[in-house]
């Protein structure tokens, strides 16, 4: 961890800023060995070989616990065997990885976070598209996988930082990164809605988020092809997380790649929920605006009264909204004025 990057980190539990304890081992501006302290909750996070470990016992639940154990076992042979994942679907690994990274729309000076970075197959490609003005942060829940990533990127010329952490409590401040990639990691999130929300939180407005995971889509569920995939790994039957997409997502696109059994989401991060021009006057007999139709509702009337109102409104030449707004306002003001005399 570079000392000058400390301000971009935060405690994954409290969200508070972190401080370096005294006498860390610093070489060329990088903390090689040391301790980060969250004072308000008296929590310590240890830095070893330049990598920060933010994992706490309470985070090792559900998919997180499985992922840490599973990937610690296969880390050593992961790179030797991962090509099978692509060859199963007659896909070219390099093409798939580059197409995913293309969706990030990277510029050389971007600061990029890769979640579930693993041994660095995608990290290496991302690093090749950045320059020294940018930077790459690698986050994974498995220290064993990340150690291979560190070795792979040891000689890259761009700034890199390595973090062992849960994607469901990302230890970075809001709106810091220009882009975020998570290739085949969300299926192990212990709290999927929170993980997807966290990924949007740490990316600045206008930045891109791209993530993918296994999924046999509905139109292939009853095929022999789909059943074979699900039989091999039940994760292929997990639902597509459309309902958990954060409200900040703009121009969202979802597609299926790798044999049509891996979905990819990509979107641009916005600010809060979308804003509509809901005060725009709507033409026609009904009239009004989206806002008046939503916020301006009054108690209903009988069907006979409604029919007479429609007949009268047509004779006025005004929209129903304008006519009713005028007569109700006029009558209300008359009553209020009379009572307040």
C-alpha atoms as a PDB file:
ATOM      1  CA  UNK A   1       0.000   0.000   0.000  1.00  0.00           C
ATOM      2  CA  UNK A   2       1.310   3.416  -0.937  1.00  0.00           C
ATOM      3  CA  UNK A   3       1.281   5.821   2.004  1.00  0.00           C
ATOM      4  CA  UNK A   4      -0.333   8.566  -0.085  1.00  0.00           C
ATOM      5  CA  UNK A   5      -3.225   6.228  -0.933  1.00  0.00           C
ATOM      6  CA  UNK A   6      -4.240   5.855   2.721  1.00  0.00           C
ATOM      7  CA  UNK A   7      -6.844   8.621   2.388  1.00  0.00           C
ATOM      8  CA  UNK A   8      -8.737   6.512  -0.164  1.00  0.00           C
ATOM      9  CA  UNK A   9      -9.243   3.595   2.242  1.00  0.00           C
ATOM     10  CA  UNK A  10     -11.882   3.281   4.941  1.00  0.00           C
ATOM     11  CA  UNK A  11     -12.757   0.788   7.623  1.00  0.00           C
ATOM     12  CA  UNK A  12     -15.001  -1.885   6.041  1.00  0.00           C
ATOM     13  CA  UNK A  13     -16.970  -2.227   9.276  1.00  0.00           C
ATOM     14  CA  UNK A  14     -17.517   1.364  10.448  1.00  0.00           C
ATOM     15  CA  UNK A  15     -16.705   3.340   7.326  1.00  0.00           C
ATOM     16  CA  UNK A  16     -14.316   5.484   9.366  1.00  0.00           C
ATOM     17  CA  UNK A  17     -10.958   6.689   8.095  1.00  0.00           C
ATOM     18  CA  UNK A  18      -7.910   4.572   8.868  1.00  0.00           C
ATOM     19  CA  UNK A  19      -4.562   5.474  10.382  1.00  0.00           C
ATOM     20  CA  UNK A  20      -1.156   3.839  10.215  1.00  0.00           C
ATOM     21  CA  UNK A  21       0.160   2.653  13.543  1.00  0.00           C
ATOM     22  CA  UNK A  22       3.629   3.806  14.472  1.00  0.00           C
ATOM     23  CA  UNK A  23       6.817   2.411  12.912  1.00  0.00           C
ATOM     24  CA  UNK A  24       5.523   0.663   9.780  1.00  0.00           C
ATOM     25  CA  UNK A  25       8.065  -0.733   7.328  1.00  0.00           C
ATOM     26  CA  UNK A  26       8.048   1.710   4.395  1.00  0.00           C
ATOM     27  CA  UNK A  27      10.093   1.295   1.211  1.00  0.00           C
ATOM     28  CA  UNK A  28       9.948   3.899  -1.596  1.00  0.00           C
ATOM     29  CA  UNK A  29       6.668   5.278  -0.270  1.00  0.00           C
ATOM     30  CA  UNK A  30       5.008   1.857   0.060  1.00  0.00           C
ATOM     31  CA  UNK A  31       4.030   0.201   3.326  1.00  0.00           C
ATOM     32  CA  UNK A  32       5.464  -3.318   3.217  1.00  0.00           C
ATOM     33  CA  UNK A  33       4.635  -4.346   6.788  1.00  0.00           C
ATOM     34  CA  UNK A  34       2.359  -2.476   9.162  1.00  0.00           C
ATOM     35  CA  UNK A  35      -1.012  -2.080  10.813  1.00  0.00           C
ATOM     36  CA  UNK A  36      -4.010   0.044   9.824  1.00  0.00           C
ATOM     37  CA  UNK A  37      -6.131   1.174  12.739  1.00  0.00           C
ATOM     38  CA  UNK A  38      -9.787   2.168  12.888  1.00  0.00           C
ATOM     39  CA  UNK A  39      -9.741   4.085  16.161  1.00  0.00           C
ATOM     40  CA  UNK A  40     -13.466   4.447  16.784  1.00  0.00           C
ATOM     41  CA  UNK A  41     -13.990   0.692  16.934  1.00  0.00           C
ATOM     42  CA  UNK A  42     -10.437  -0.192  17.929  1.00  0.00           C
ATOM     43  CA  UNK A  43     -10.062  -2.514  14.955  1.00  0.00           C
ATOM     44  CA  UNK A  44      -6.697  -3.426  13.430  1.00  0.00           C
ATOM     45  CA  UNK A  45      -5.969  -4.555   9.886  1.00  0.00           C
ATOM     46  CA  UNK A  46      -2.564  -5.992   9.045  1.00  0.00           C
ATOM     47  CA  UNK A  47      -0.358  -5.264   6.049  1.00  0.00           C
ATOM     48  CA  UNK A  48       2.002  -8.050   4.986  1.00  0.00           C
ATOM     49  CA  UNK A  49       4.226  -8.025   1.912  1.00  0.00           C
ATOM     50  CA  UNK A  50       2.406  -4.851   0.845  1.00  0.00           C
ATOM     51  CA  UNK A  51      -1.051  -6.500   0.897  1.00  0.00           C
ATOM     52  CA  UNK A  52      -3.762  -5.360   3.322  1.00  0.00           C
ATOM     53  CA  UNK A  53      -5.983  -8.006   4.929  1.00  0.00           C
ATOM     54  CA  UNK A  54      -9.412  -6.587   5.812  1.00  0.00           C
ATOM     55  CA  UNK A  55     -11.202  -9.899   6.401  1.00  0.00           C
ATOM     56  CA  UNK A  56     -12.818 -10.276   9.816  1.00  0.00           C
ATOM     57  CA  UNK A  57     -14.310 -13.483  11.294  1.00  0.00           C
ATOM     58  CA  UNK A  58     -17.883 -12.196  10.954  1.00  0.00           C
ATOM     59  CA  UNK A  59     -17.377 -11.840   7.176  1.00  0.00           C
ATOM     60  CA  UNK A  60     -16.469 -15.499   6.687  1.00  0.00           C
ATOM     61  CA  UNK A  61     -20.057 -16.646   6.228  1.00  0.00           C
ATOM     62  CA  UNK A  62     -22.115 -18.235   3.460  1.00  0.00           C
ATOM     63  CA  UNK A  63     -20.451 -17.950   0.071  1.00  0.00           C
ATOM     64  CA  UNK A  64     -17.506 -16.024   1.481  1.00  0.00           C
ATOM     65  CA  UNK A  65     -16.418 -18.902   3.689  1.00  0.00           C
ATOM     66  CA  UNK A  66     -16.796 -21.363   0.838  1.00  0.00           C
ATOM     67  CA  UNK A  67     -14.841 -19.142  -1.553  1.00  0.00           C
ATOM     68  CA  UNK A  68     -11.921 -18.672   0.831  1.00  0.00           C
ATOM     69  CA  UNK A  69     -11.654 -22.388   1.492  1.00  0.00           C
ATOM     70  CA  UNK A  70     -12.237 -23.499  -2.100  1.00  0.00           C
ATOM     71  CA  UNK A  71      -9.803 -21.073  -3.704  1.00  0.00           C
ATOM     72  CA  UNK A  72      -7.109 -21.704  -1.118  1.00  0.00           C
ATOM     73  CA  UNK A  73      -7.160 -25.329  -2.296  1.00  0.00           C
ATOM     74  CA  UNK A  74      -7.115 -24.662  -6.049  1.00  0.00           C
ATOM     75  CA  UNK A  75      -4.985 -21.482  -6.139  1.00  0.00           C
ATOM     76  CA  UNK A  76      -1.821 -23.370  -7.052  1.00  0.00           C
ATOM     77  CA  UNK A  77      -3.365 -25.081 -10.095  1.00  0.00           C
ATOM     78  CA  UNK A  78      -5.964 -22.442 -11.044  1.00  0.00           C
ATOM     79  CA  UNK A  79      -4.047 -20.968 -13.985  1.00  0.00           C
ATOM     80  CA  UNK A  80      -3.267 -24.420 -15.341  1.00  0.00           C
ATOM     81  CA  UNK A  81      -6.924 -25.415 -15.499  1.00  0.00           C
ATOM     82  CA  UNK A  82      -8.951 -22.231 -16.036  1.00  0.00           C
ATOM     83  CA  UNK A  83      -8.750 -22.607 -19.841  1.00  0.00           C
ATOM     84  CA  UNK A  84     -11.209 -25.522 -19.496  1.00  0.00           C
ATOM     85  CA  UNK A  85     -13.922 -23.059 -18.443  1.00  0.00           C
ATOM     86  CA  UNK A  86     -13.715 -21.445 -21.878  1.00  0.00           C
ATOM     87  CA  UNK A  87     -13.049 -24.537 -23.982  1.00  0.00           C
ATOM     88  CA  UNK A  88     -16.198 -26.168 -22.586  1.00  0.00           C
ATOM     89  CA  UNK A  89     -18.200 -23.635 -24.608  1.00  0.00           C
ATOM     90  CA  UNK A  90     -15.866 -23.515 -27.625  1.00  0.00           C
ATOM     91  CA  UNK A  91     -14.752 -20.024 -26.667  1.00  0.00           C
ATOM     92  CA  UNK A  92     -11.374 -18.285 -26.916  1.00  0.00           C
ATOM     93  CA  UNK A  93     -10.274 -17.235 -23.431  1.00  0.00           C
ATOM     94  CA  UNK A  94      -8.347 -14.164 -24.570  1.00  0.00           C
ATOM     95  CA  UNK A  95     -11.252 -12.922 -26.703  1.00  0.00           C
ATOM     96  CA  UNK A  96     -13.753 -13.289 -23.866  1.00  0.00           C
ATOM     97  CA  UNK A  97     -11.553 -11.527 -21.326  1.00  0.00           C
ATOM     98  CA  UNK A  98     -10.745  -8.660 -23.677  1.00  0.00           C
ATOM     99  CA  UNK A  99     -14.398  -8.215 -24.646  1.00  0.00           C
ATOM    100  CA  UNK A 100     -15.330  -7.939 -20.961  1.00  0.00           C
ATOM    101  CA  UNK A 101     -12.623  -5.358 -20.334  1.00  0.00           C
ATOM    102  CA  UNK A 102     -13.629  -3.422 -23.470  1.00  0.00           C
ATOM    103  CA  UNK A 103     -16.954  -2.717 -21.717  1.00  0.00           C
ATOM    104  CA  UNK A 104     -15.098  -0.692 -19.065  1.00  0.00           C
ATOM    105  CA  UNK A 105     -14.266   1.922 -21.729  1.00  0.00           C
ATOM    106  CA  UNK A 106     -10.900   2.513 -20.067  1.00  0.00           C
ATOM    107  CA  UNK A 107      -8.679   5.529 -20.526  1.00  0.00           C
ATOM    108  CA  UNK A 108      -4.949   5.247 -19.707  1.00  0.00           C
ATOM    109  CA  UNK A 109      -5.186   7.474 -16.620  1.00  0.00           C
ATOM    110  CA  UNK A 110      -8.139   5.641 -15.045  1.00  0.00           C
ATOM    111  CA  UNK A 111      -8.106   4.267 -11.538  1.00  0.00           C
ATOM    112  CA  UNK A 112      -9.638   0.788 -11.722  1.00  0.00           C
ATOM    113  CA  UNK A 113     -10.835  -1.635  -9.061  1.00  0.00           C
ATOM    114  CA  UNK A 114     -11.002  -5.317  -9.908  1.00  0.00           C
ATOM    115  CA  UNK A 115     -13.192  -7.300  -7.506  1.00  0.00           C
ATOM    116  CA  UNK A 116     -12.585 -11.060  -7.279  1.00  0.00           C
ATOM    117  CA  UNK A 117      -9.306 -10.391  -9.053  1.00  0.00           C
ATOM    118  CA  UNK A 118      -8.017 -13.919  -8.453  1.00  0.00           C
ATOM    119  CA  UNK A 119      -4.644 -14.842  -9.938  1.00  0.00           C
ATOM    120  CA  UNK A 120      -4.615 -11.854 -12.275  1.00  0.00           C
ATOM    121  CA  UNK A 121      -5.648 -13.133 -15.702  1.00  0.00           C
ATOM    122  CA  UNK A 122      -7.828 -10.049 -16.230  1.00  0.00           C
ATOM    123  CA  UNK A 123      -5.608  -7.834 -14.084  1.00  0.00           C
ATOM    124  CA  UNK A 124      -2.765  -8.253 -16.545  1.00  0.00           C
ATOM    125  CA  UNK A 125      -4.937  -7.106 -19.462  1.00  0.00           C
ATOM    126  CA  UNK A 126      -6.292  -4.112 -17.537  1.00  0.00           C
ATOM    127  CA  UNK A 127      -2.780  -3.109 -16.489  1.00  0.00           C
ATOM    128  CA  UNK A 128      -1.664  -3.146 -20.127  1.00  0.00           C
ATOM    129  CA  UNK A 129      -4.317  -0.501 -20.929  1.00  0.00           C
ATOM    130  CA  UNK A 130      -3.297   1.931 -18.172  1.00  0.00           C
ATOM    131  CA  UNK A 131      -0.355   4.272 -17.662  1.00  0.00           C
ATOM    132  CA  UNK A 132       1.477   5.635 -14.618  1.00  0.00           C
ATOM    133  CA  UNK A 133      -1.154   8.351 -14.199  1.00  0.00           C
ATOM    134  CA  UNK A 134      -3.760   5.648 -13.615  1.00  0.00           C
ATOM    135  CA  UNK A 135      -3.709   2.704 -11.258  1.00  0.00           C
ATOM    136  CA  UNK A 136      -5.094  -0.741 -10.558  1.00  0.00           C
ATOM    137  CA  UNK A 137      -6.459  -1.976  -7.235  1.00  0.00           C
ATOM    138  CA  UNK A 138      -6.872  -5.747  -6.900  1.00  0.00           C
ATOM    139  CA  UNK A 139      -9.370  -7.087  -4.361  1.00  0.00           C
ATOM    140  CA  UNK A 140     -10.054 -10.733  -3.576  1.00  0.00           C
ATOM    141  CA  UNK A 141     -11.376 -12.622  -0.580  1.00  0.00           C
ATOM    142  CA  UNK A 142      -8.707 -15.310  -1.028  1.00  0.00           C
ATOM    143  CA  UNK A 143      -5.144 -14.349  -0.002  1.00  0.00           C
ATOM    144  CA  UNK A 144      -3.872 -17.477  -1.745  1.00  0.00           C
ATOM    145  CA  UNK A 145      -5.269 -16.434  -5.120  1.00  0.00           C
ATOM    146  CA  UNK A 146      -4.108 -12.850  -4.651  1.00  0.00           C
ATOM    147  CA  UNK A 147      -0.539 -13.948  -3.938  1.00  0.00           C
ATOM    148  CA  UNK A 148      -0.313 -15.304  -7.509  1.00  0.00           C
ATOM    149  CA  UNK A 149      -1.757 -12.036  -8.794  1.00  0.00           C
ATOM    150  CA  UNK A 150       0.968 -10.114  -6.958  1.00  0.00           C
ATOM    151  CA  UNK A 151       3.635 -12.254  -8.579  1.00  0.00           C
ATOM    152  CA  UNK A 152       2.064 -11.843 -12.034  1.00  0.00           C
ATOM    153  CA  UNK A 153       1.986  -8.036 -11.781  1.00  0.00           C
ATOM    154  CA  UNK A 154       5.295  -7.646  -9.968  1.00  0.00           C
ATOM    155  CA  UNK A 155       6.987  -5.910 -12.895  1.00  0.00           C
ATOM    156  CA  UNK A 156       4.152  -3.806 -14.325  1.00  0.00           C
ATOM    157  CA  UNK A 157       4.930  -0.117 -14.547  1.00  0.00           C
ATOM    158  CA  UNK A 158       1.576   1.210 -13.379  1.00  0.00           C
ATOM    159  CA  UNK A 159       0.670   1.712  -9.679  1.00  0.00           C
ATOM    160  CA  UNK A 160      -0.960  -1.377  -8.144  1.00  0.00           C
ATOM    161  CA  UNK A 161      -2.459  -2.125  -4.738  1.00  0.00           C
ATOM    162  CA  UNK A 162      -3.523  -5.509  -3.351  1.00  0.00           C
ATOM    163  CA  UNK A 163      -6.336  -5.965  -0.834  1.00  0.00           C
ATOM    164  CA  UNK A 164      -7.827  -9.044   0.807  1.00  0.00           C
ATOM    165  CA  UNK A 165     -11.419  -8.028   1.520  1.00  0.00           C
ATOM    166  CA  UNK A 166     -15.086  -8.860   1.094  1.00  0.00           C
ATOM    167  CA  UNK A 167     -16.903  -7.298  -1.844  1.00  0.00           C
ATOM    168  CA  UNK A 168     -19.871  -6.832   0.495  1.00  0.00           C
ATOM    169  CA  UNK A 169     -17.939  -4.244   2.529  1.00  0.00           C
ATOM    170  CA  UNK A 170     -15.401  -2.704   0.181  1.00  0.00           C
ATOM    171  CA  UNK A 171     -12.726  -0.797   2.131  1.00  0.00           C
ATOM    172  CA  UNK A 172     -12.617   2.281  -0.093  1.00  0.00           C
ATOM    173  CA  UNK A 173     -14.222   5.719   0.081  1.00  0.00           C
ATOM    174  CA  UNK A 174     -17.198   6.713  -2.065  1.00  0.00           C
ATOM    175  CA  UNK A 175     -16.818   7.683  -5.725  1.00  0.00           C
ATOM    176  CA  UNK A 176     -13.093   7.004  -6.023  1.00  0.00           C
ATOM    177  CA  UNK A 177     -12.678   4.661  -9.001  1.00  0.00           C
ATOM    178  CA  UNK A 178     -13.272   5.336 -12.684  1.00  0.00           C
ATOM    179  CA  UNK A 179     -14.212   1.731 -13.466  1.00  0.00           C
ATOM    180  CA  UNK A 180     -14.815  -1.615 -11.754  1.00  0.00           C
ATOM    181  CA  UNK A 181     -14.677  -5.179 -13.052  1.00  0.00           C
ATOM    182  CA  UNK A 182     -15.867  -8.372 -11.369  1.00  0.00           C
ATOM    183  CA  UNK A 183     -15.566 -11.397 -13.640  1.00  0.00           C
ATOM    184  CA  UNK A 184     -17.324 -14.464 -12.159  1.00  0.00           C
ATOM    185  CA  UNK A 185     -17.312 -13.456  -8.512  1.00  0.00           C
ATOM    186  CA  UNK A 186     -20.782 -12.273  -7.478  1.00  0.00           C
ATOM    187  CA  UNK A 187     -22.049 -15.842  -7.086  1.00  0.00           C
ATOM    188  CA  UNK A 188     -19.952 -16.154  -3.939  1.00  0.00           C
ATOM    189  CA  UNK A 189     -21.042 -12.851  -2.360  1.00  0.00           C
ATOM    190  CA  UNK A 190     -22.378 -13.517   1.140  1.00  0.00           C
ATOM    191  CA  UNK A 191     -24.851 -10.626   0.688  1.00  0.00           C
ATOM    192  CA  UNK A 192     -25.501 -10.128  -3.017  1.00  0.00           C
ATOM    193  CA  UNK A 193     -27.650  -6.951  -2.773  1.00  0.00           C
ATOM    194  CA  UNK A 194     -25.050  -5.317  -0.540  1.00  0.00           C
ATOM    195  CA  UNK A 195     -22.183  -6.405  -2.777  1.00  0.00           C
ATOM    196  CA  UNK A 196     -23.805  -4.917  -5.880  1.00  0.00           C
ATOM    197  CA  UNK A 197     -24.576  -1.735  -3.957  1.00  0.00           C
ATOM    198  CA  UNK A 198     -20.986  -1.503  -2.726  1.00  0.00           C
ATOM    199  CA  UNK A 199     -19.586  -1.825  -6.231  1.00  0.00           C
ATOM    200  CA  UNK A 200     -21.674   1.152  -7.369  1.00  0.00           C
ATOM    201  CA  UNK A 201     -20.754   3.165  -4.257  1.00  0.00           C
ATOM    202  CA  UNK A 202     -17.007   3.180  -4.873  1.00  0.00           C
ATOM    203  CA  UNK A 203     -17.247   4.181  -8.561  1.00  0.00           C
ATOM    204  CA  UNK A 204     -17.570   7.862  -9.396  1.00  0.00           C
ATOM    205  CA  UNK A 205     -20.579   9.157 -11.362  1.00  0.00           C
ATOM    206  CA  UNK A 206     -19.973   8.556 -15.056  1.00  0.00           C
ATOM    207  CA  UNK A 207     -17.758   5.538 -14.356  1.00  0.00           C
ATOM    208  CA  UNK A 208     -18.474   2.000 -15.547  1.00  0.00           C
ATOM    209  CA  UNK A 209     -19.301  -1.173 -13.594  1.00  0.00           C
ATOM    210  CA  UNK A 210     -19.050  -4.552 -15.335  1.00  0.00           C
ATOM    211  CA  UNK A 211     -19.759  -7.892 -13.659  1.00  0.00           C
ATOM    212  CA  UNK A 212     -20.606 -11.419 -14.730  1.00  0.00           C
ATOM    213  CA  UNK A 213     -21.548 -14.818 -13.358  1.00  0.00           C
ATOM    214  CA  UNK A 214     -22.773 -18.286 -14.356  1.00  0.00           C
ATOM    215  CA  UNK A 215     -26.402 -18.573 -15.391  1.00  0.00           C
ATOM    216  CA  UNK A 216     -28.455 -20.809 -17.650  1.00  0.00           C
ATOM    217  CA  UNK A 217     -31.091 -18.389 -19.003  1.00  0.00           C
ATOM    218  CA  UNK A 218     -34.785 -19.246 -18.918  1.00  0.00           C
ATOM    219  CA  UNK A 219     -34.935 -20.130 -22.610  1.00  0.00           C
ATOM    220  CA  UNK A 220     -32.292 -22.841 -22.130  1.00  0.00           C
ATOM    221  CA  UNK A 221     -33.496 -24.322 -18.827  1.00  0.00           C
ATOM    222  CA  UNK A 222     -35.425 -27.171 -20.459  1.00  0.00           C
ATOM    223  CA  UNK A 223     -32.747 -28.075 -22.989  1.00  0.00           C
ATOM    224  CA  UNK A 224     -30.324 -30.951 -22.509  1.00  0.00           C
ATOM    225  CA  UNK A 225     -27.516 -28.395 -22.788  1.00  0.00           C
ATOM    226  CA  UNK A 226     -28.889 -26.319 -19.921  1.00  0.00           C
ATOM    227  CA  UNK A 227     -29.609 -29.342 -17.741  1.00  0.00           C
ATOM    228  CA  UNK A 228     -26.049 -30.628 -18.167  1.00  0.00           C
ATOM    229  CA  UNK A 229     -24.647 -27.264 -17.063  1.00  0.00           C
ATOM    230  CA  UNK A 230     -26.874 -27.094 -13.980  1.00  0.00           C
ATOM    231  CA  UNK A 231     -26.150 -30.705 -13.121  1.00  0.00           C
ATOM    232  CA  UNK A 232     -22.425 -29.942 -13.124  1.00  0.00           C
ATOM    233  CA  UNK A 233     -22.769 -26.799 -10.981  1.00  0.00           C
ATOM    234  CA  UNK A 234     -26.024 -25.695  -9.267  1.00  0.00           C
ATOM    235  CA  UNK A 235     -24.848 -22.063  -9.502  1.00  0.00           C
ATOM    236  CA  UNK A 236     -25.972 -22.156 -13.131  1.00  0.00           C
ATOM    237  CA  UNK A 237     -29.541 -22.186 -11.807  1.00  0.00           C
ATOM    238  CA  UNK A 238     -29.107 -19.072  -9.644  1.00  0.00           C
ATOM    239  CA  UNK A 239     -31.420 -16.215 -10.667  1.00  0.00           C
ATOM    240  CA  UNK A 240     -30.213 -13.176 -12.587  1.00  0.00           C
ATOM    241  CA  UNK A 241     -29.933 -10.367  -9.970  1.00  0.00           C
ATOM    242  CA  UNK A 242     -32.011  -7.757 -11.789  1.00  0.00           C
ATOM    243  CA  UNK A 243     -33.933  -6.830  -8.645  1.00  0.00           C
ATOM    244  CA  UNK A 244     -30.687  -6.099  -6.812  1.00  0.00           C
ATOM    245  CA  UNK A 245     -29.233  -3.668  -9.340  1.00  0.00           C
ATOM    246  CA  UNK A 246     -28.587  -0.355  -7.505  1.00  0.00           C
ATOM    247  CA  UNK A 247     -30.729   2.667  -8.380  1.00  0.00           C
ATOM    248  CA  UNK A 248     -27.569   4.485  -9.503  1.00  0.00           C
ATOM    249  CA  UNK A 249     -27.297   2.226 -12.574  1.00  0.00           C
ATOM    250  CA  UNK A 250     -27.766   4.061 -15.880  1.00  0.00           C
ATOM    251  CA  UNK A 251     -27.920   2.681 -19.440  1.00  0.00           C
ATOM    252  CA  UNK A 252     -27.736  -0.855 -18.090  1.00  0.00           C
ATOM    253  CA  UNK A 253     -27.164  -3.686 -20.518  1.00  0.00           C
ATOM    254  CA  UNK A 254     -27.329  -7.419 -19.794  1.00  0.00           C
ATOM    255  CA  UNK A 255     -26.157 -10.067 -22.231  1.00  0.00           C
ATOM    256  CA  UNK A 256     -25.248 -13.752 -22.153  1.00  0.00           C
ATOM    257  CA  UNK A 257     -21.803 -14.875 -23.322  1.00  0.00           C
ATOM    258  CA  UNK A 258     -19.600 -18.004 -23.078  1.00  0.00           C
ATOM    259  CA  UNK A 259     -21.973 -20.519 -24.552  1.00  0.00           C
ATOM    260  CA  UNK A 260     -24.949 -18.358 -23.533  1.00  0.00           C
ATOM    261  CA  UNK A 261     -24.622 -19.552 -19.928  1.00  0.00           C
ATOM    262  CA  UNK A 262     -22.785 -16.598 -18.328  1.00  0.00           C
ATOM    263  CA  UNK A 263     -24.536 -13.234 -17.981  1.00  0.00           C
ATOM    264  CA  UNK A 264     -22.717  -9.896 -18.159  1.00  0.00           C
ATOM    265  CA  UNK A 265     -24.071  -6.662 -16.723  1.00  0.00           C
ATOM    266  CA  UNK A 266     -22.545  -3.323 -17.613  1.00  0.00           C
ATOM    267  CA  UNK A 267     -23.779   0.113 -16.647  1.00  0.00           C
ATOM    268  CA  UNK A 268     -22.724   3.682 -16.065  1.00  0.00           C
ATOM    269  CA  UNK A 269     -22.924   4.954 -12.486  1.00  0.00           C
ATOM    270  CA  UNK A 270     -25.291   7.856 -11.870  1.00  0.00           C
ATOM    271  CA  UNK A 271     -26.272   9.869  -8.789  1.00  0.00           C
ATOM    272  CA  UNK A 272     -29.218   8.498  -6.820  1.00  0.00           C
ATOM    273  CA  UNK A 273     -32.362   7.448  -8.635  1.00  0.00           C
ATOM    274  CA  UNK A 274     -33.068   8.812 -12.133  1.00  0.00           C
ATOM    275  CA  UNK A 275     -34.758  12.205 -12.475  1.00  0.00           C
ATOM    276  CA  UNK A 276     -37.629  12.780 -14.897  1.00  0.00           C
ATOM    277  CA  UNK A 277     -39.014  16.014 -16.345  1.00  0.00           C
ATOM    278  CA  UNK A 278     -42.244  15.225 -14.542  1.00  0.00           C
ATOM    279  CA  UNK A 279     -43.567  18.828 -14.559  1.00  0.00           C
ATOM    280  CA  UNK A 280     -43.814  18.766 -18.340  1.00  0.00           C
ATOM    281  CA  UNK A 281     -47.388  19.503 -19.456  1.00  0.00           C
ATOM    282  CA  UNK A 282     -49.064  16.507 -21.098  1.00  0.00           C
ATOM    283  CA  UNK A 283     -51.258  17.403 -24.111  1.00  0.00           C
ATOM    284  CA  UNK A 284     -54.756  16.026 -24.550  1.00  0.00           C
ATOM    285  CA  UNK A 285     -58.118  16.151 -22.822  1.00  0.00           C
ATOM    286  CA  UNK A 286     -56.799  14.756 -19.552  1.00  0.00           C
ATOM    287  CA  UNK A 287     -53.873  17.189 -19.342  1.00  0.00           C
ATOM    288  CA  UNK A 288     -51.779  17.714 -16.239  1.00  0.00           C
ATOM    289  CA  UNK A 289     -48.273  16.424 -15.611  1.00  0.00           C
ATOM    290  CA  UNK A 290     -46.722  13.227 -14.264  1.00  0.00           C
ATOM    291  CA  UNK A 291     -46.325  15.001 -10.929  1.00  0.00           C
ATOM    292  CA  UNK A 292     -49.896  16.281 -10.693  1.00  0.00           C
ATOM    293  CA  UNK A 293     -51.255  12.857 -11.620  1.00  0.00           C
ATOM    294  CA  UNK A 294     -49.157  11.264  -8.866  1.00  0.00           C
ATOM    295  CA  UNK A 295     -49.152  13.849  -6.065  1.00  0.00           C
ATOM    296  CA  UNK A 296     -52.414  15.671  -6.828  1.00  0.00           C
ATOM    297  CA  UNK A 297     -54.906  12.845  -6.262  1.00  0.00           C
ATOM    298  CA  UNK A 298     -58.176  13.700  -4.444  1.00  0.00           C
ATOM    299  CA  UNK A 299     -61.020  11.545  -3.164  1.00  0.00           C
ATOM    300  CA  UNK A 300     -63.043   9.934  -5.902  1.00  0.00           C
ATOM    301  CA  UNK A 301     -66.504  10.973  -7.008  1.00  0.00           C
ATOM    302  CA  UNK A 302     -69.550   8.989  -8.069  1.00  0.00           C
ATOM    303  CA  UNK A 303     -69.743   7.711 -11.627  1.00  0.00           C
ATOM    304  CA  UNK A 304     -72.628  10.143 -12.296  1.00  0.00           C
ATOM    305  CA  UNK A 305     -70.550  13.120 -11.155  1.00  0.00           C
ATOM    306  CA  UNK A 306     -67.592  11.952 -13.198  1.00  0.00           C
ATOM    307  CA  UNK A 307     -69.724  11.711 -16.336  1.00  0.00           C
ATOM    308  CA  UNK A 308     -71.110  15.242 -15.819  1.00  0.00           C
ATOM    309  CA  UNK A 309     -67.572  16.526 -15.231  1.00  0.00           C
ATOM    310  CA  UNK A 310     -66.423  15.010 -18.522  1.00  0.00           C
ATOM    311  CA  UNK A 311     -69.344  16.631 -20.369  1.00  0.00           C
ATOM    312  CA  UNK A 312     -68.655  20.006 -18.762  1.00  0.00           C
ATOM    313  CA  UNK A 313     -64.893  19.831 -19.336  1.00  0.00           C
ATOM    314  CA  UNK A 314     -65.377  19.278 -23.066  1.00  0.00           C
ATOM    315  CA  UNK A 315     -67.523  22.407 -23.245  1.00  0.00           C
ATOM    316  CA  UNK A 316     -64.832  24.532 -21.568  1.00  0.00           C
ATOM    317  CA  UNK A 317     -62.158  23.762 -24.149  1.00  0.00           C
ATOM    318  CA  UNK A 318     -59.701  23.151 -21.313  1.00  0.00           C
ATOM    319  CA  UNK A 319     -58.005  19.936 -20.244  1.00  0.00           C
ATOM    320  CA  UNK A 320     -59.601  18.090 -17.348  1.00  0.00           C
ATOM    321  CA  UNK A 321     -56.572  18.888 -15.199  1.00  0.00           C
ATOM    322  CA  UNK A 322     -56.678  22.625 -15.866  1.00  0.00           C
ATOM    323  CA  UNK A 323     -60.438  22.923 -15.453  1.00  0.00           C
ATOM    324  CA  UNK A 324     -60.577  20.956 -12.190  1.00  0.00           C
ATOM    325  CA  UNK A 325     -57.488  22.701 -10.809  1.00  0.00           C
ATOM    326  CA  UNK A 326     -59.055  26.111 -11.439  1.00  0.00           C
ATOM    327  CA  UNK A 327     -62.500  25.415  -9.982  1.00  0.00           C
ATOM    328  CA  UNK A 328     -61.239  23.487  -6.941  1.00  0.00           C
ATOM    329  CA  UNK A 329     -58.635  26.164  -6.156  1.00  0.00           C
ATOM    330  CA  UNK A 330     -61.233  28.941  -6.599  1.00  0.00           C
ATOM    331  CA  UNK A 331     -63.789  27.215  -4.355  1.00  0.00           C
ATOM    332  CA  UNK A 332     -61.182  26.340  -1.720  1.00  0.00           C
ATOM    333  CA  UNK A 333     -59.874  29.926  -1.575  1.00  0.00           C
ATOM    334  CA  UNK A 334     -63.418  31.268  -1.243  1.00  0.00           C
ATOM    335  CA  UNK A 335     -64.156  28.957   1.726  1.00  0.00           C
ATOM    336  CA  UNK A 336     -60.826  29.707   3.437  1.00  0.00           C
ATOM    337  CA  UNK A 337     -61.356  33.462   2.984  1.00  0.00           C
ATOM    338  CA  UNK A 338     -64.880  33.276   4.413  1.00  0.00           C
ATOM    339  CA  UNK A 339     -63.810  31.254   7.470  1.00  0.00           C
ATOM    340  CA  UNK A 340     -60.827  33.507   8.197  1.00  0.00           C
ATOM    341  CA  UNK A 341     -62.814  36.772   8.154  1.00  0.00           C
END
